[in-house]
């Protein structure tokens, strides 16, 4: 499971529902989960909720919004379709789909919280 810290859980849930074309497996105050594969979940947790656990030992997550530190690399059947759907639902286009030097066909965007998403085949 990977959990993304988000500013607005409801907004992020709507974004990922539209992009992934699925309803969340769990959607309660404080956590949303999407089942991406049999063994992998994508979680969305409000920044304010996780801040209660990790602060003041670490900076508040809202201080790092938009600073790419990792990416969510999703292998999908049609990367162009996913990338276009993400951008249509509020993602920022970072790099259009193209063949990369490692052999994958990949496009990049940033979700409404600035998390980098790669759609690859």
PDB file of N, CA and C in Angstrom:
ATOM      1  N   UNK A   1       0.838  -1.176   0.000  1.00  0.00           N
ATOM      2  CA  UNK A   1       0.000   0.000   0.000  1.00  0.00           C
ATOM      3  C   UNK A   1       0.878   1.232   0.000  1.00  0.00           C
ATOM      4  N   UNK A   2       0.472   2.206  -0.781  1.00  0.00           N
ATOM      5  CA  UNK A   2       1.081   3.524  -0.778  1.00  0.00           C
ATOM      6  C   UNK A   2      -0.005   4.499  -0.359  1.00  0.00           C
ATOM      7  N   UNK A   3       0.329   5.401   0.545  1.00  0.00           N
ATOM      8  CA  UNK A   3      -0.628   6.409   0.999  1.00  0.00           C
ATOM      9  C   UNK A   3      -0.106   7.785   0.611  1.00  0.00           C
ATOM     10  N   UNK A   4      -0.930   8.524  -0.119  1.00  0.00           N
ATOM     11  CA  UNK A   4      -0.610   9.897  -0.479  1.00  0.00           C
ATOM     12  C   UNK A   4      -1.286  10.829   0.515  1.00  0.00           C
ATOM     13  N   UNK A   5      -0.555  11.810   0.993  1.00  0.00           N
ATOM     14  CA  UNK A   5      -1.126  12.817   1.878  1.00  0.00           C
ATOM     15  C   UNK A   5      -1.746  13.903   1.004  1.00  0.00           C
ATOM     16  N   UNK A   6      -3.007  14.221   1.260  1.00  0.00           N
ATOM     17  CA  UNK A   6      -3.749  15.133   0.392  1.00  0.00           C
ATOM     18  C   UNK A   6      -4.350  16.280   1.186  1.00  0.00           C
ATOM     19  N   UNK A   7      -4.491  17.426   0.537  1.00  0.00           N
ATOM     20  CA  UNK A   7      -5.070  18.600   1.187  1.00  0.00           C
ATOM     21  C   UNK A   7      -6.574  18.436   1.388  1.00  0.00           C
ATOM     22  N   UNK A   8      -7.247  17.867   0.402  1.00  0.00           N
ATOM     23  CA  UNK A   8      -8.707  17.726   0.438  1.00  0.00           C
ATOM     24  C   UNK A   8      -9.063  16.297   0.040  1.00  0.00           C
ATOM     25  N   UNK A   9      -9.393  15.472   1.017  1.00  0.00           N
ATOM     26  CA  UNK A   9      -9.666  14.050   0.769  1.00  0.00           C
ATOM     27  C   UNK A   9     -10.793  13.858  -0.240  1.00  0.00           C
ATOM     28  N   UNK A  10     -11.859  14.617  -0.124  1.00  0.00           N
ATOM     29  CA  UNK A  10     -13.000  14.477  -1.027  1.00  0.00           C
ATOM     30  C   UNK A  10     -12.610  14.820  -2.467  1.00  0.00           C
ATOM     31  N   UNK A  11     -11.910  15.929  -2.651  1.00  0.00           N
ATOM     32  CA  UNK A  11     -11.469  16.348  -3.991  1.00  0.00           C
ATOM     33  C   UNK A  11     -10.528  15.305  -4.596  1.00  0.00           C
ATOM     34  N   UNK A  12      -9.591  14.814  -3.802  1.00  0.00           N
ATOM     35  CA  UNK A  12      -8.650  13.809  -4.302  1.00  0.00           C
ATOM     36  C   UNK A  12      -9.362  12.500  -4.617  1.00  0.00           C
ATOM     37  N   UNK A  13     -10.327  12.128  -3.796  1.00  0.00           N
ATOM     38  CA  UNK A  13     -11.110  10.919  -4.054  1.00  0.00           C
ATOM     39  C   UNK A  13     -11.833  11.046  -5.386  1.00  0.00           C
ATOM     40  N   UNK A  14     -12.467  12.177  -5.632  1.00  0.00           N
ATOM     41  CA  UNK A  14     -13.173  12.391  -6.900  1.00  0.00           C
ATOM     42  C   UNK A  14     -12.209  12.318  -8.081  1.00  0.00           C
ATOM     43  N   UNK A  15     -11.025  12.904  -7.929  1.00  0.00           N
ATOM     44  CA  UNK A  15     -10.022  12.884  -8.985  1.00  0.00           C
ATOM     45  C   UNK A  15      -9.624  11.440  -9.313  1.00  0.00           C
ATOM     46  N   UNK A  16      -9.253  10.668  -8.294  1.00  0.00           N
ATOM     47  CA  UNK A  16      -8.793   9.299  -8.542  1.00  0.00           C
ATOM     48  C   UNK A  16      -9.928   8.379  -8.996  1.00  0.00           C
ATOM     49  N   UNK A  17     -11.144   8.623  -8.545  1.00  0.00           N
ATOM     50  CA  UNK A  17     -12.292   7.867  -9.063  1.00  0.00           C
ATOM     51  C   UNK A  17     -12.416   8.070 -10.568  1.00  0.00           C
ATOM     52  N   UNK A  18     -12.324   9.329 -11.002  1.00  0.00           N
ATOM     53  CA  UNK A  18     -12.459   9.643 -12.424  1.00  0.00           C
ATOM     54  C   UNK A  18     -11.311   9.077 -13.245  1.00  0.00           C
ATOM     55  N   UNK A  19     -10.094   9.213 -12.742  1.00  0.00           N
ATOM     56  CA  UNK A  19      -8.921   8.754 -13.491  1.00  0.00           C
ATOM     57  C   UNK A  19      -8.849   7.229 -13.541  1.00  0.00           C
ATOM     58  N   UNK A  20      -9.066   6.584 -12.400  1.00  0.00           N
ATOM     59  CA  UNK A  20      -8.957   5.119 -12.329  1.00  0.00           C
ATOM     60  C   UNK A  20     -10.217   4.414 -12.787  1.00  0.00           C
ATOM     61  N   UNK A  21     -11.320   5.172 -12.921  1.00  0.00           N
ATOM     62  CA  UNK A  21     -12.606   4.624 -13.337  1.00  0.00           C
ATOM     63  C   UNK A  21     -13.072   3.519 -12.390  1.00  0.00           C
ATOM     64  N   UNK A  22     -12.963   3.810 -11.096  1.00  0.00           N
ATOM     65  CA  UNK A  22     -13.436   2.866 -10.086  1.00  0.00           C
ATOM     66  C   UNK A  22     -13.791   3.603  -8.805  1.00  0.00           C
ATOM     67  N   UNK A  23     -14.677   2.992  -8.047  1.00  0.00           N
ATOM     68  CA  UNK A  23     -15.048   3.512  -6.738  1.00  0.00           C
ATOM     69  C   UNK A  23     -14.004   3.040  -5.722  1.00  0.00           C
ATOM     70  N   UNK A  24     -13.800   3.809  -4.669  1.00  0.00           N
ATOM     71  CA  UNK A  24     -12.855   3.367  -3.651  1.00  0.00           C
ATOM     72  C   UNK A  24     -13.364   2.136  -2.905  1.00  0.00           C
ATOM     73  N   UNK A  25     -12.434   1.322  -2.479  1.00  0.00           N
ATOM     74  CA  UNK A  25     -12.725   0.149  -1.653  1.00  0.00           C
ATOM     75  C   UNK A  25     -13.160   0.604  -0.261  1.00  0.00           C
ATOM     76  N   UNK A  26     -12.553   1.689   0.212  1.00  0.00           N
ATOM     77  CA  UNK A  26     -12.846   2.272   1.514  1.00  0.00           C
ATOM     78  C   UNK A  26     -12.862   3.779   1.343  1.00  0.00           C
ATOM     79  N   UNK A  27     -13.851   4.437   1.939  1.00  0.00           N
ATOM     80  CA  UNK A  27     -13.895   5.897   1.898  1.00  0.00           C
ATOM     81  C   UNK A  27     -14.586   6.383   3.163  1.00  0.00           C
ATOM     82  N   UNK A  28     -13.781   6.621   4.186  1.00  0.00           N
ATOM     83  CA  UNK A  28     -14.270   7.090   5.479  1.00  0.00           C
ATOM     84  C   UNK A  28     -13.472   8.334   5.853  1.00  0.00           C
ATOM     85  N   UNK A  29     -13.981   9.136   6.773  1.00  0.00           N
ATOM     86  CA  UNK A  29     -13.191  10.295   7.183  1.00  0.00           C
ATOM     87  C   UNK A  29     -11.797   9.863   7.633  1.00  0.00           C
ATOM     88  N   UNK A  30     -10.782  10.421   6.984  1.00  0.00           N
ATOM     89  CA  UNK A  30      -9.406  10.116   7.343  1.00  0.00           C
ATOM     90  C   UNK A  30      -8.702   9.122   6.439  1.00  0.00           C
ATOM     91  N   UNK A  31      -9.442   8.391   5.575  1.00  0.00           N
ATOM     92  CA  UNK A  31      -8.763   7.437   4.688  1.00  0.00           C
ATOM     93  C   UNK A  31      -9.674   7.021   3.539  1.00  0.00           C
ATOM     94  N   UNK A  32      -9.099   7.065   2.344  1.00  0.00           N
ATOM     95  CA  UNK A  32      -9.722   6.528   1.142  1.00  0.00           C
ATOM     96  C   UNK A  32      -8.747   5.518   0.568  1.00  0.00           C
ATOM     97  N   UNK A  33      -9.269   4.368   0.105  1.00  0.00           N
ATOM     98  CA  UNK A  33      -8.407   3.344  -0.480  1.00  0.00           C
ATOM     99  C   UNK A  33      -8.982   2.863  -1.809  1.00  0.00           C
ATOM    100  N   UNK A  34      -8.107   2.770  -2.798  1.00  0.00           N
ATOM    101  CA  UNK A  34      -8.445   2.195  -4.098  1.00  0.00           C
ATOM    102  C   UNK A  34      -7.631   0.922  -4.273  1.00  0.00           C
ATOM    103  N   UNK A  35      -8.282  -0.133  -4.743  1.00  0.00           N
ATOM    104  CA  UNK A  35      -7.592  -1.397  -5.000  1.00  0.00           C
ATOM    105  C   UNK A  35      -7.087  -1.368  -6.441  1.00  0.00           C
ATOM    106  N   UNK A  36      -5.770  -1.227  -6.594  1.00  0.00           N
ATOM    107  CA  UNK A  36      -5.186  -1.138  -7.933  1.00  0.00           C
ATOM    108  C   UNK A  36      -4.865  -2.502  -8.521  1.00  0.00           C
ATOM    109  N   UNK A  37      -4.424  -3.415  -7.674  1.00  0.00           N
ATOM    110  CA  UNK A  37      -4.203  -4.801  -8.092  1.00  0.00           C
ATOM    111  C   UNK A  37      -4.610  -5.679  -6.914  1.00  0.00           C
ATOM    112  N   UNK A  38      -4.518  -6.963  -7.102  1.00  0.00           N
ATOM    113  CA  UNK A  38      -4.876  -7.898  -6.037  1.00  0.00           C
ATOM    114  C   UNK A  38      -4.088  -7.644  -4.763  1.00  0.00           C
ATOM    115  N   UNK A  39      -2.846  -7.193  -4.918  1.00  0.00           N
ATOM    116  CA  UNK A  39      -1.961  -7.022  -3.764  1.00  0.00           C
ATOM    117  C   UNK A  39      -1.500  -5.588  -3.530  1.00  0.00           C
ATOM    118  N   UNK A  40      -2.207  -4.609  -4.111  1.00  0.00           N
ATOM    119  CA  UNK A  40      -1.731  -3.232  -3.975  1.00  0.00           C
ATOM    120  C   UNK A  40      -2.886  -2.264  -3.842  1.00  0.00           C
ATOM    121  N   UNK A  41      -2.830  -1.433  -2.790  1.00  0.00           N
ATOM    122  CA  UNK A  41      -3.831  -0.400  -2.541  1.00  0.00           C
ATOM    123  C   UNK A  41      -3.190   0.979  -2.638  1.00  0.00           C
ATOM    124  N   UNK A  42      -3.958   1.933  -3.135  1.00  0.00           N
ATOM    125  CA  UNK A  42      -3.562   3.332  -3.121  1.00  0.00           C
ATOM    126  C   UNK A  42      -4.431   4.017  -2.080  1.00  0.00           C
ATOM    127  N   UNK A  43      -3.799   4.611  -1.078  1.00  0.00           N
ATOM    128  CA  UNK A  43      -4.526   5.308  -0.028  1.00  0.00           C
ATOM    129  C   UNK A  43      -4.407   6.813  -0.162  1.00  0.00           C
ATOM    130  N   UNK A  44      -5.439   7.503   0.272  1.00  0.00           N
ATOM    131  CA  UNK A  44      -5.453   8.966   0.331  1.00  0.00           C
ATOM    132  C   UNK A  44      -5.767   9.360   1.762  1.00  0.00           C
ATOM    133  N   UNK A  45      -4.863  10.087   2.400  1.00  0.00           N
ATOM    134  CA  UNK A  45      -5.049  10.490   3.792  1.00  0.00           C
ATOM    135  C   UNK A  45      -4.910  12.007   3.892  1.00  0.00           C
ATOM    136  N   UNK A  46      -5.830  12.658   4.582  1.00  0.00           N
ATOM    137  CA  UNK A  46      -5.715  14.108   4.739  1.00  0.00           C
ATOM    138  C   UNK A  46      -4.420  14.497   5.459  1.00  0.00           C
ATOM    139  N   UNK A  47      -3.810  15.568   4.972  1.00  0.00           N
ATOM    140  CA  UNK A  47      -2.576  16.071   5.587  1.00  0.00           C
ATOM    141  C   UNK A  47      -2.775  16.363   7.068  1.00  0.00           C
ATOM    142  N   UNK A  48      -3.934  16.887   7.408  1.00  0.00           N
ATOM    143  CA  UNK A  48      -4.181  17.240   8.805  1.00  0.00           C
ATOM    144  C   UNK A  48      -4.217  16.004   9.700  1.00  0.00           C
ATOM    145  N   UNK A  49      -4.727  14.887   9.161  1.00  0.00           N
ATOM    146  CA  UNK A  49      -4.785  13.658   9.948  1.00  0.00           C
ATOM    147  C   UNK A  49      -3.413  13.082  10.220  1.00  0.00           C
ATOM    148  N   UNK A  50      -2.584  12.985   9.184  1.00  0.00           N
ATOM    149  CA  UNK A  50      -1.258  12.416   9.377  1.00  0.00           C
ATOM    150  C   UNK A  50      -0.378  13.360  10.191  1.00  0.00           C
ATOM    151  N   UNK A  51      -0.639  14.667  10.095  1.00  0.00           N
ATOM    152  CA  UNK A  51       0.151  15.633  10.871  1.00  0.00           C
ATOM    153  C   UNK A  51       0.016  15.366  12.366  1.00  0.00           C
ATOM    154  N   UNK A  52      -1.150  14.862  12.790  1.00  0.00           N
ATOM    155  CA  UNK A  52      -1.341  14.540  14.203  1.00  0.00           C
ATOM    156  C   UNK A  52      -0.402  13.429  14.668  1.00  0.00           C
ATOM    157  N   UNK A  53       0.066  12.620  13.735  1.00  0.00           N
ATOM    158  CA  UNK A  53       0.946  11.494  14.066  1.00  0.00           C
ATOM    159  C   UNK A  53       2.416  11.864  13.903  1.00  0.00           C
ATOM    160  N   UNK A  54       2.751  12.532  12.810  1.00  0.00           N
ATOM    161  CA  UNK A  54       4.165  12.725  12.472  1.00  0.00           C
ATOM    162  C   UNK A  54       4.749  14.073  12.881  1.00  0.00           C
ATOM    163  N   UNK A  55       3.908  15.036  13.231  1.00  0.00           N
ATOM    164  CA  UNK A  55       4.403  16.354  13.632  1.00  0.00           C
ATOM    165  C   UNK A  55       4.425  16.453  15.150  1.00  0.00           C
ATOM    166  N   UNK A  56       5.364  17.086  15.768  1.00  0.00           N
ATOM    167  CA  UNK A  56       6.365  17.994  15.203  1.00  0.00           C
ATOM    168  C   UNK A  56       7.695  17.326  14.849  1.00  0.00           C
ATOM    169  N   UNK A  57       7.776  16.006  14.899  1.00  0.00           N
ATOM    170  CA  UNK A  57       9.039  15.335  14.565  1.00  0.00           C
ATOM    171  C   UNK A  57       9.458  15.570  13.129  1.00  0.00           C
ATOM    172  N   UNK A  58       8.479  15.793  12.234  1.00  0.00           N
ATOM    173  CA  UNK A  58       8.758  16.110  10.830  1.00  0.00           C
ATOM    174  C   UNK A  58       7.959  17.352  10.460  1.00  0.00           C
ATOM    175  N   UNK A  59       8.319  18.018   9.361  1.00  0.00           N
ATOM    176  CA  UNK A  59       7.524  19.174   8.925  1.00  0.00           C
ATOM    177  C   UNK A  59       6.099  18.740   8.567  1.00  0.00           C
ATOM    178  N   UNK A  60       5.168  19.662   8.676  1.00  0.00           N
ATOM    179  CA  UNK A  60       3.783  19.402   8.287  1.00  0.00           C
ATOM    180  C   UNK A  60       3.766  19.092   6.790  1.00  0.00           C
ATOM    181  N   UNK A  61       3.028  18.057   6.359  1.00  0.00           N
ATOM    182  CA  UNK A  61       2.996  17.690   4.940  1.00  0.00           C
ATOM    183  C   UNK A  61       2.600  18.822   3.996  1.00  0.00           C
ATOM    184  N   UNK A  62       1.749  19.742   4.459  1.00  0.00           N
ATOM    185  CA  UNK A  62       1.329  20.832   3.573  1.00  0.00           C
ATOM    186  C   UNK A  62       2.502  21.713   3.151  1.00  0.00           C
ATOM    187  N   UNK A  63       3.612  21.694   3.898  1.00  0.00           N
ATOM    188  CA  UNK A  63       4.785  22.502   3.553  1.00  0.00           C
ATOM    189  C   UNK A  63       5.529  21.935   2.346  1.00  0.00           C
ATOM    190  N   UNK A  64       5.240  20.687   1.976  1.00  0.00           N
ATOM    191  CA  UNK A  64       5.952  20.067   0.869  1.00  0.00           C
ATOM    192  C   UNK A  64       5.123  19.902  -0.391  1.00  0.00           C
ATOM    193  N   UNK A  65       3.923  20.469  -0.437  1.00  0.00           N
ATOM    194  CA  UNK A  65       3.071  20.296  -1.618  1.00  0.00           C
ATOM    195  C   UNK A  65       3.754  20.805  -2.880  1.00  0.00           C
ATOM    196  N   UNK A  66       3.654  20.010  -3.939  1.00  0.00           N
ATOM    197  CA  UNK A  66       4.193  20.408  -5.223  1.00  0.00           C
ATOM    198  C   UNK A  66       5.679  20.174  -5.396  1.00  0.00           C
ATOM    199  N   UNK A  67       6.335  19.616  -4.401  1.00  0.00           N
ATOM    200  CA  UNK A  67       7.764  19.325  -4.499  1.00  0.00           C
ATOM    201  C   UNK A  67       7.902  17.841  -4.815  1.00  0.00           C
ATOM    202  N   UNK A  68       8.215  17.476  -6.068  1.00  0.00           N
ATOM    203  CA  UNK A  68       8.276  16.056  -6.414  1.00  0.00           C
ATOM    204  C   UNK A  68       9.400  15.333  -5.676  1.00  0.00           C
ATOM    205  N   UNK A  69       9.029  14.260  -4.987  1.00  0.00           N
ATOM    206  CA  UNK A  69      10.011  13.454  -4.260  1.00  0.00           C
ATOM    207  C   UNK A  69       9.913  11.989  -4.659  1.00  0.00           C
ATOM    208  N   UNK A  70       8.833  11.622  -5.319  1.00  0.00           N
ATOM    209  CA  UNK A  70       8.640  10.261  -5.807  1.00  0.00           C
ATOM    210  C   UNK A  70       7.544  10.306  -6.859  1.00  0.00           C
ATOM    211  N   UNK A  71       7.247   9.176  -7.452  1.00  0.00           N
ATOM    212  CA  UNK A  71       6.155   9.126  -8.419  1.00  0.00           C
ATOM    213  C   UNK A  71       5.353   7.858  -8.220  1.00  0.00           C
ATOM    214  N   UNK A  72       4.114   7.944  -8.598  1.00  0.00           N
ATOM    215  CA  UNK A  72       3.230   6.791  -8.631  1.00  0.00           C
ATOM    216  C   UNK A  72       3.287   6.289 -10.070  1.00  0.00           C
ATOM    217  N   UNK A  73       3.960   5.163 -10.305  1.00  0.00           N
ATOM    218  CA  UNK A  73       4.191   4.630 -11.644  1.00  0.00           C
ATOM    219  C   UNK A  73       3.175   3.520 -11.878  1.00  0.00           C
ATOM    220  N   UNK A  74       2.162   3.829 -12.677  1.00  0.00           N
ATOM    221  CA  UNK A  74       1.074   2.884 -12.917  1.00  0.00           C
ATOM    222  C   UNK A  74       1.185   2.284 -14.306  1.00  0.00           C
ATOM    223  N   UNK A  75       1.312   0.980 -14.368  1.00  0.00           N
ATOM    224  CA  UNK A  75       1.353   0.269 -15.643  1.00  0.00           C
ATOM    225  C   UNK A  75      -0.086  -0.032 -16.027  1.00  0.00           C
ATOM    226  N   UNK A  76      -0.510   0.527 -17.164  1.00  0.00           N
ATOM    227  CA  UNK A  76      -1.889   0.420 -17.627  1.00  0.00           C
ATOM    228  C   UNK A  76      -1.908   0.011 -19.095  1.00  0.00           C
ATOM    229  N   UNK A  77      -3.059  -0.413 -19.552  1.00  0.00           N
ATOM    230  CA  UNK A  77      -3.188  -0.873 -20.938  1.00  0.00           C
ATOM    231  C   UNK A  77      -3.061   0.280 -21.942  1.00  0.00           C
ATOM    232  N   UNK A  78      -3.599   1.453 -21.601  1.00  0.00           N
ATOM    233  CA  UNK A  78      -3.609   2.596 -22.523  1.00  0.00           C
ATOM    234  C   UNK A  78      -3.166   3.864 -21.794  1.00  0.00           C
ATOM    235  N   UNK A  79      -1.858   4.103 -21.705  1.00  0.00           N
ATOM    236  CA  UNK A  79      -1.363   5.274 -20.976  1.00  0.00           C
ATOM    237  C   UNK A  79      -1.918   6.606 -21.477  1.00  0.00           C
ATOM    238  N   UNK A  80      -2.097   6.735 -22.791  1.00  0.00           N
ATOM    239  CA  UNK A  80      -2.620   7.989 -23.346  1.00  0.00           C
ATOM    240  C   UNK A  80      -4.012   8.277 -22.797  1.00  0.00           C
ATOM    241  N   UNK A  81      -4.843   7.260 -22.751  1.00  0.00           N
ATOM    242  CA  UNK A  81      -6.208   7.411 -22.255  1.00  0.00           C
ATOM    243  C   UNK A  81      -6.207   7.853 -20.791  1.00  0.00           C
ATOM    244  N   UNK A  82      -5.379   7.218 -19.970  1.00  0.00           N
ATOM    245  CA  UNK A  82      -5.300   7.571 -18.558  1.00  0.00           C
ATOM    246  C   UNK A  82      -4.761   8.990 -18.375  1.00  0.00           C
ATOM    247  N   UNK A  83      -3.714   9.329 -19.109  1.00  0.00           N
ATOM    248  CA  UNK A  83      -3.127  10.653 -18.982  1.00  0.00           C
ATOM    249  C   UNK A  83      -4.133  11.725 -19.395  1.00  0.00           C
ATOM    250  N   UNK A  84      -4.811  11.506 -20.515  1.00  0.00           N
ATOM    251  CA  UNK A  84      -5.810  12.469 -20.974  1.00  0.00           C
ATOM    252  C   UNK A  84      -6.941  12.614 -19.964  1.00  0.00           C
ATOM    253  N   UNK A  85      -7.376  11.509 -19.388  1.00  0.00           N
ATOM    254  CA  UNK A  85      -8.445  11.538 -18.393  1.00  0.00           C
ATOM    255  C   UNK A  85      -7.987  12.291 -17.145  1.00  0.00           C
ATOM    256  N   UNK A  86      -6.741  12.068 -16.737  1.00  0.00           N
ATOM    257  CA  UNK A  86      -6.213  12.768 -15.571  1.00  0.00           C
ATOM    258  C   UNK A  86      -6.186  14.276 -15.813  1.00  0.00           C
ATOM    259  N   UNK A  87      -5.678  14.694 -16.957  1.00  0.00           N
ATOM    260  CA  UNK A  87      -5.598  16.123 -17.275  1.00  0.00           C
ATOM    261  C   UNK A  87      -7.003  16.722 -17.369  1.00  0.00           C
ATOM    262  N   UNK A  88      -7.933  16.002 -17.964  1.00  0.00           N
ATOM    263  CA  UNK A  88      -9.316  16.482 -18.064  1.00  0.00           C
ATOM    264  C   UNK A  88      -9.966  16.650 -16.698  1.00  0.00           C
ATOM    265  N   UNK A  89      -9.431  15.958 -15.685  1.00  0.00           N
ATOM    266  CA  UNK A  89      -9.993  16.025 -14.344  1.00  0.00           C
ATOM    267  C   UNK A  89      -9.150  16.865 -13.382  1.00  0.00           C
ATOM    268  N   UNK A  90      -8.271  17.688 -13.924  1.00  0.00           N
ATOM    269  CA  UNK A  90      -7.559  18.650 -13.090  1.00  0.00           C
ATOM    270  C   UNK A  90      -6.083  18.406 -12.877  1.00  0.00           C
ATOM    271  N   UNK A  91      -5.523  17.334 -13.443  1.00  0.00           N
ATOM    272  CA  UNK A  91      -4.082  17.105 -13.310  1.00  0.00           C
ATOM    273  C   UNK A  91      -3.321  18.091 -14.196  1.00  0.00           C
ATOM    274  N   UNK A  92      -2.098  18.374 -13.799  1.00  0.00           N
ATOM    275  CA  UNK A  92      -1.207  19.218 -14.602  1.00  0.00           C
ATOM    276  C   UNK A  92      -0.350  18.305 -15.473  1.00  0.00           C
ATOM    277  N   UNK A  93      -0.365  18.524 -16.769  1.00  0.00           N
ATOM    278  CA  UNK A  93       0.474  17.739 -17.676  1.00  0.00           C
ATOM    279  C   UNK A  93       1.932  18.092 -17.429  1.00  0.00           C
ATOM    280  N   UNK A  94       2.740  17.083 -17.180  1.00  0.00           N
ATOM    281  CA  UNK A  94       4.169  17.278 -16.963  1.00  0.00           C
ATOM    282  C   UNK A  94       4.956  16.905 -18.212  1.00  0.00           C
ATOM    283  N   UNK A  95       4.635  15.744 -18.797  1.00  0.00           N
ATOM    284  CA  UNK A  95       5.322  15.288 -20.005  1.00  0.00           C
ATOM    285  C   UNK A  95       4.384  14.347 -20.758  1.00  0.00           C
ATOM    286  N   UNK A  96       4.136  14.603 -22.048  1.00  0.00           N
ATOM    287  CA  UNK A  96       3.223  13.740 -22.795  1.00  0.00           C
ATOM    288  C   UNK A  96       3.770  12.322 -22.935  1.00  0.00           C
ATOM    289  N   UNK A  97       2.887  11.413 -23.287  1.00  0.00           N
ATOM    290  CA  UNK A  97       3.329  10.026 -23.461  1.00  0.00           C
ATOM    291  C   UNK A  97       4.278   9.940 -24.643  1.00  0.00           C
ATOM    292  N   UNK A  98       5.324   9.179 -24.425  1.00  0.00           N
ATOM    293  CA  UNK A  98       6.302   8.911 -25.481  1.00  0.00           C
ATOM    294  C   UNK A  98       7.137   7.722 -25.047  1.00  0.00           C
ATOM    295  N   UNK A  99       7.842   7.155 -26.002  1.00  0.00           N
ATOM    296  CA  UNK A  99       8.726   6.048 -25.658  1.00  0.00           C
ATOM    297  C   UNK A  99       9.937   6.607 -24.919  1.00  0.00           C
ATOM    298  N   UNK A 100      10.208   6.026 -23.767  1.00  0.00           N
ATOM    299  CA  UNK A 100      11.321   6.485 -22.944  1.00  0.00           C
ATOM    300  C   UNK A 100      12.542   5.604 -23.195  1.00  0.00           C
ATOM    301  N   UNK A 101      13.699   6.063 -22.780  1.00  0.00           N
ATOM    302  CA  UNK A 101      14.927   5.325 -23.084  1.00  0.00           C
ATOM    303  C   UNK A 101      15.016   3.992 -22.353  1.00  0.00           C
ATOM    304  N   UNK A 102      14.127   3.705 -21.398  1.00  0.00           N
ATOM    305  CA  UNK A 102      14.103   2.396 -20.735  1.00  0.00           C
ATOM    306  C   UNK A 102      13.108   1.448 -21.395  1.00  0.00           C
ATOM    307  N   UNK A 103      12.460   1.921 -22.499  1.00  0.00           N
ATOM    308  CA  UNK A 103      11.611   1.047 -23.291  1.00  0.00           C
ATOM    309  C   UNK A 103      10.124   1.146 -23.033  1.00  0.00           C
ATOM    310  N   UNK A 104       9.699   1.854 -22.006  1.00  0.00           N
ATOM    311  CA  UNK A 104       8.269   1.999 -21.722  1.00  0.00           C
ATOM    312  C   UNK A 104       7.697   3.196 -22.470  1.00  0.00           C
ATOM    313  N   UNK A 105       6.408   3.113 -22.787  1.00  0.00           N
ATOM    314  CA  UNK A 105       5.638   4.232 -23.332  1.00  0.00           C
ATOM    315  C   UNK A 105       4.991   4.893 -22.115  1.00  0.00           C
ATOM    316  N   UNK A 106       5.414   6.130 -21.763  1.00  0.00           N
ATOM    317  CA  UNK A 106       5.032   6.732 -20.489  1.00  0.00           C
ATOM    318  C   UNK A 106       4.690   8.210 -20.652  1.00  0.00           C
ATOM    319  N   UNK A 107       3.646   8.638 -19.927  1.00  0.00           N
ATOM    320  CA  UNK A 107       3.290  10.043 -19.820  1.00  0.00           C
ATOM    321  C   UNK A 107       3.205  10.418 -18.349  1.00  0.00           C
ATOM    322  N   UNK A 108       3.515  11.665 -18.043  1.00  0.00           N
ATOM    323  CA  UNK A 108       3.565  12.131 -16.660  1.00  0.00           C
ATOM    324  C   UNK A 108       2.618  13.312 -16.430  1.00  0.00           C
ATOM    325  N   UNK A 109       2.014  13.305 -15.248  1.00  0.00           N
ATOM    326  CA  UNK A 109       1.201  14.435 -14.818  1.00  0.00           C
ATOM    327  C   UNK A 109       1.362  14.597 -13.314  1.00  0.00           C
ATOM    328  N   UNK A 110       0.807  15.696 -12.799  1.00  0.00           N
ATOM    329  CA  UNK A 110       0.783  15.929 -11.356  1.00  0.00           C
ATOM    330  C   UNK A 110      -0.677  16.010 -10.932  1.00  0.00           C
ATOM    331  N   UNK A 111      -1.030  15.277  -9.880  1.00  0.00           N
ATOM    332  CA  UNK A 111      -2.413  15.300  -9.386  1.00  0.00           C
ATOM    333  C   UNK A 111      -2.690  16.642  -8.705  1.00  0.00           C
ATOM    334  N   UNK A 112      -3.915  16.892  -8.235  1.00  0.00           N
ATOM    335  CA  UNK A 112      -4.226  18.194  -7.633  1.00  0.00           C
ATOM    336  C   UNK A 112      -3.347  18.570  -6.433  1.00  0.00           C
ATOM    337  N   UNK A 113      -2.691  17.598  -5.795  1.00  0.00           N
ATOM    338  CA  UNK A 113      -1.779  17.904  -4.688  1.00  0.00           C
ATOM    339  C   UNK A 113      -0.332  17.972  -5.121  1.00  0.00           C
ATOM    340  N   UNK A 114      -0.074  17.803  -6.406  1.00  0.00           N
ATOM    341  CA  UNK A 114       1.289  17.865  -6.920  1.00  0.00           C
ATOM    342  C   UNK A 114       2.025  16.555  -6.931  1.00  0.00           C
ATOM    343  N   UNK A 115       1.357  15.438  -6.561  1.00  0.00           N
ATOM    344  CA  UNK A 115       2.000  14.118  -6.643  1.00  0.00           C
ATOM    345  C   UNK A 115       2.184  13.757  -8.113  1.00  0.00           C
ATOM    346  N   UNK A 116       3.358  13.276  -8.453  1.00  0.00           N
ATOM    347  CA  UNK A 116       3.650  12.890  -9.823  1.00  0.00           C
ATOM    348  C   UNK A 116       3.075  11.492 -10.097  1.00  0.00           C
ATOM    349  N   UNK A 117       2.335  11.393 -11.212  1.00  0.00           N
ATOM    350  CA  UNK A 117       1.788  10.115 -11.646  1.00  0.00           C
ATOM    351  C   UNK A 117       2.338   9.825 -13.031  1.00  0.00           C
ATOM    352  N   UNK A 118       2.862   8.632 -13.214  1.00  0.00           N
ATOM    353  CA  UNK A 118       3.307   8.166 -14.529  1.00  0.00           C
ATOM    354  C   UNK A 118       2.352   7.064 -14.963  1.00  0.00           C
ATOM    355  N   UNK A 119       1.833   7.185 -16.176  1.00  0.00           N
ATOM    356  CA  UNK A 119       1.009   6.124 -16.772  1.00  0.00           C
ATOM    357  C   UNK A 119       1.865   5.474 -17.841  1.00  0.00           C
ATOM    358  N   UNK A 120       2.108   4.177 -17.697  1.00  0.00           N
ATOM    359  CA  UNK A 120       3.081   3.488 -18.529  1.00  0.00           C
ATOM    360  C   UNK A 120       2.551   2.200 -19.126  1.00  0.00           C
ATOM    361  N   UNK A 121       3.162   1.821 -20.233  1.00  0.00           N
ATOM    362  CA  UNK A 121       2.933   0.526 -20.858  1.00  0.00           C
ATOM    363  C   UNK A 121       4.261   0.034 -21.395  1.00  0.00           C
TER     364      UNK A 121
END
